[in-house]
Protein backbone atom coordinates (compact mmCIF):
# COMPACT_ATOMS: atom_id res chain seq x y z
CA MET A 1 0.00 0.00 0.00
CA LYS A 2 2.80 2.43 0.92
CA LYS A 3 4.69 1.65 -2.27
CA ALA A 4 1.58 2.22 -4.41
CA LEU A 5 0.92 5.54 -2.65
CA LEU A 6 4.52 6.62 -3.19
CA ILE A 7 4.37 5.74 -6.90
CA PHE A 8 1.05 7.59 -7.27
CA CYS A 9 2.41 10.74 -5.56
CA ALA A 10 5.62 10.68 -7.64
CA THR A 11 3.64 10.29 -10.87
CA LEU A 12 1.26 13.07 -9.89
CA MET A 13 4.10 15.46 -9.06
CA LEU A 14 6.05 14.65 -12.23
CA SER A 15 2.98 15.17 -14.41
CA PHE A 16 2.88 18.81 -13.33
CA VAL A 17 6.56 19.51 -14.03
CA ALA A 18 5.95 20.29 -17.72
CA ILE A 19 3.41 23.02 -16.88
CA ALA A 20 4.83 26.54 -17.09
CA GLN A 21 4.28 28.44 -13.85
CA SER A 22 3.11 32.03 -13.86
CA GLN A 23 1.67 34.43 -11.33
CA GLU A 24 -1.92 34.16 -12.54
CA GLN A 25 -4.98 33.74 -10.36
CA GLY A 26 -5.61 30.11 -9.42
CA ASN A 27 -2.02 28.87 -9.82
CA ALA A 28 -0.27 27.16 -6.91
CA ARG A 29 3.23 25.98 -6.03
CA PHE A 30 4.51 23.49 -3.47
CA HIS A 31 7.66 24.70 -1.67
CA GLY A 32 10.11 22.47 0.19
CA TYR A 33 12.95 24.40 1.83
CA GLY A 34 15.73 24.60 4.35
CA THR A 35 16.20 27.53 6.73
CA TYR A 36 19.13 29.11 8.51
CA GLY A 37 18.75 31.68 11.30
CA LEU A 38 21.51 34.28 11.58
CA ARG A 39 21.08 35.08 15.28
CA TYR A 40 21.23 31.58 16.80
CA ASN A 41 22.71 29.70 13.81
CA ASN A 42 19.87 27.15 13.84
CA PHE A 43 18.98 25.08 10.79
CA GLY A 44 15.46 24.03 9.92
CA ALA A 45 13.36 22.31 7.26
CA GLY A 46 9.84 23.01 6.14
CA ALA A 47 7.20 23.07 3.45
CA GLY A 48 4.35 25.24 2.29
CA ILE A 49 1.88 25.86 -0.50
CA GLU A 50 1.75 29.16 -2.34
CA TYR A 51 -1.63 30.03 -3.88
CA PHE A 52 -2.21 32.99 -6.22
CA PHE A 53 -5.65 34.30 -5.25
CA VAL A 54 -5.34 37.21 -7.74
CA ASP A 55 -2.66 38.03 -10.31
CA LYS A 56 0.74 38.81 -8.65
CA PHE A 57 -0.64 38.26 -5.09
CA ALA A 58 -0.16 34.94 -3.31
CA LEU A 59 -0.87 33.45 0.11
CA MET A 60 1.78 31.09 1.45
CA PRO A 61 1.06 29.11 4.61
CA SER A 62 4.11 27.12 5.70
CA PHE A 63 5.33 25.00 8.60
CA THR A 64 8.97 24.72 9.65
CA PHE A 65 10.79 22.40 12.05
CA VAL A 66 13.83 24.13 13.56
CA PHE A 67 16.71 22.12 15.02
CA PRO A 68 18.23 24.14 17.90
CA GLN A 69 21.25 22.97 19.91
CA VAL A 70 18.95 22.11 22.85
CA GLY A 71 15.21 21.48 22.90
CA LYS A 72 12.65 21.69 20.10
CA GLU A 73 11.24 24.50 17.99
CA SER A 74 8.66 24.80 15.23
CA ASN A 75 7.04 27.67 13.36
CA PHE A 76 3.86 28.30 11.40
CA SER A 77 3.74 31.26 9.01
CA ALA A 78 0.94 32.60 6.82
CA ASP A 79 2.42 35.14 4.42
CA LEU A 80 1.04 37.49 1.78
CA ARG A 81 3.40 37.83 -1.19
CA TYR A 82 3.37 40.53 -3.84
CA TYR A 83 5.40 39.80 -6.98
CA VAL A 84 7.02 42.86 -8.55
CA SER A 85 8.57 41.08 -11.55
CA GLU A 86 7.74 38.26 -13.95
CA GLY A 87 9.80 35.94 -16.12
CA ALA A 88 12.64 33.60 -15.20
CA SER A 89 13.47 35.51 -12.01
CA GLN A 90 10.43 36.67 -10.03
CA LEU A 91 11.09 39.08 -7.14
CA TYR A 92 8.51 39.47 -4.35
CA PHE A 93 7.95 41.26 -1.06
CA MET A 94 6.18 39.46 1.76
CA ALA A 95 4.55 40.13 5.13
CA GLY A 96 2.47 37.91 7.36
CA TYR A 97 1.56 36.21 10.60
CA SER A 98 3.99 33.96 12.45
CA GLN A 99 3.65 31.66 15.45
CA THR A 100 6.60 29.88 17.08
CA TRP A 101 6.53 27.01 19.58
CA GLN A 102 9.64 26.30 21.65
CA ASP A 103 10.63 23.77 24.28
CA THR A 104 13.93 24.82 25.84
CA GLN A 105 14.84 21.52 27.53
CA PRO A 106 16.50 18.50 25.87
CA ASP A 107 13.99 15.92 27.15
CA GLY A 108 10.80 17.82 26.28
CA ALA A 109 9.85 18.42 29.93
CA GLY A 110 11.07 22.00 30.12
CA ALA A 111 9.73 25.48 29.76
CA ARG A 112 7.45 25.81 26.76
CA ARG A 113 7.00 29.08 24.97
CA ASN A 114 4.35 30.03 22.42
CA SER A 115 5.04 33.34 20.64
CA LYS A 116 2.90 35.13 18.04
CA GLY A 117 3.87 38.02 15.82
CA ALA A 118 4.64 39.20 12.33
CA ASN A 119 7.22 38.46 9.69
CA MET A 120 8.41 40.37 6.66
CA GLY A 121 10.98 39.96 3.96
CA VAL A 122 11.96 39.77 0.35
CA GLY A 123 12.45 36.76 -1.90
CA ALA A 124 12.72 35.42 -5.39
CA TYR A 125 11.47 32.49 -7.43
CA ILE A 126 14.05 31.56 -10.06
CA ALA A 127 12.97 29.15 -12.80
CA LEU A 128 15.42 26.24 -13.19
CA THR A 129 13.37 24.30 -15.72
CA GLU A 130 9.94 24.93 -17.17
CA GLY A 131 8.24 23.59 -14.03
CA ILE A 132 10.79 23.54 -11.20
CA GLY A 133 12.13 26.66 -9.56
CA LEU A 134 14.57 27.72 -6.89
CA SER A 135 12.84 29.52 -4.03
CA THR A 136 14.95 31.95 -1.99
CA GLU A 137 13.90 34.28 0.80
CA PHE A 138 15.44 36.65 3.35
CA ARG A 139 13.03 37.23 6.25
CA PHE A 140 12.64 38.68 9.74
CA GLN A 141 10.29 37.10 12.27
CA SER A 142 9.16 39.14 15.30
CA PRO A 143 8.06 36.27 17.59
CA TYR A 144 10.70 35.15 20.06
CA PRO A 145 13.54 34.39 19.28
CA ARG A 146 13.27 37.34 16.82
CA GLU A 147 15.32 35.72 14.12
CA VAL A 148 16.57 37.07 10.81
CA GLY A 149 17.28 34.27 8.40
CA PHE A 150 17.29 32.68 4.98
CA ARG A 151 15.04 30.13 3.28
CA VAL A 152 16.29 28.21 0.25
CA GLY A 153 14.49 25.37 -1.50
CA LEU A 154 12.66 24.08 -4.52
CA ALA A 155 9.19 24.97 -5.77
CA LEU A 156 6.98 22.72 -7.90
CA PRO A 157 3.74 23.74 -9.59
CA LEU A 158 0.51 22.10 -8.44
């Protein structure tokens, strides 16, 4: 069953690769990315789906697992993106809501912190092939730990 599901998902994803991706209403992209925070030097990994609800404007909810030296951390973001350019390299500005969950102890029994706030930044989608693109972003998140960082990953059209 798992093998059949994996084959189905791979076939479904590959069937969309040939579709050219633009910033038109109704289009969507799946993003898988890695993160790096400049303040605490923590790495993370996450995913999200970008949906263009009108031309050049997209909503991007995403969830990230951060791997701090001690404890656990995760983040949910819901961002509004505005694309200022089109073509092979698409520049955008973003702002949105962010919520971070932290556990500061190594065994999970420590102090837990739940912080809400805003995030803002700038990014680019760079087409690598007709359907796959490089997704880059430089962002600031106001919830504790107030991190400035990078996101880099791949984007696939849905």
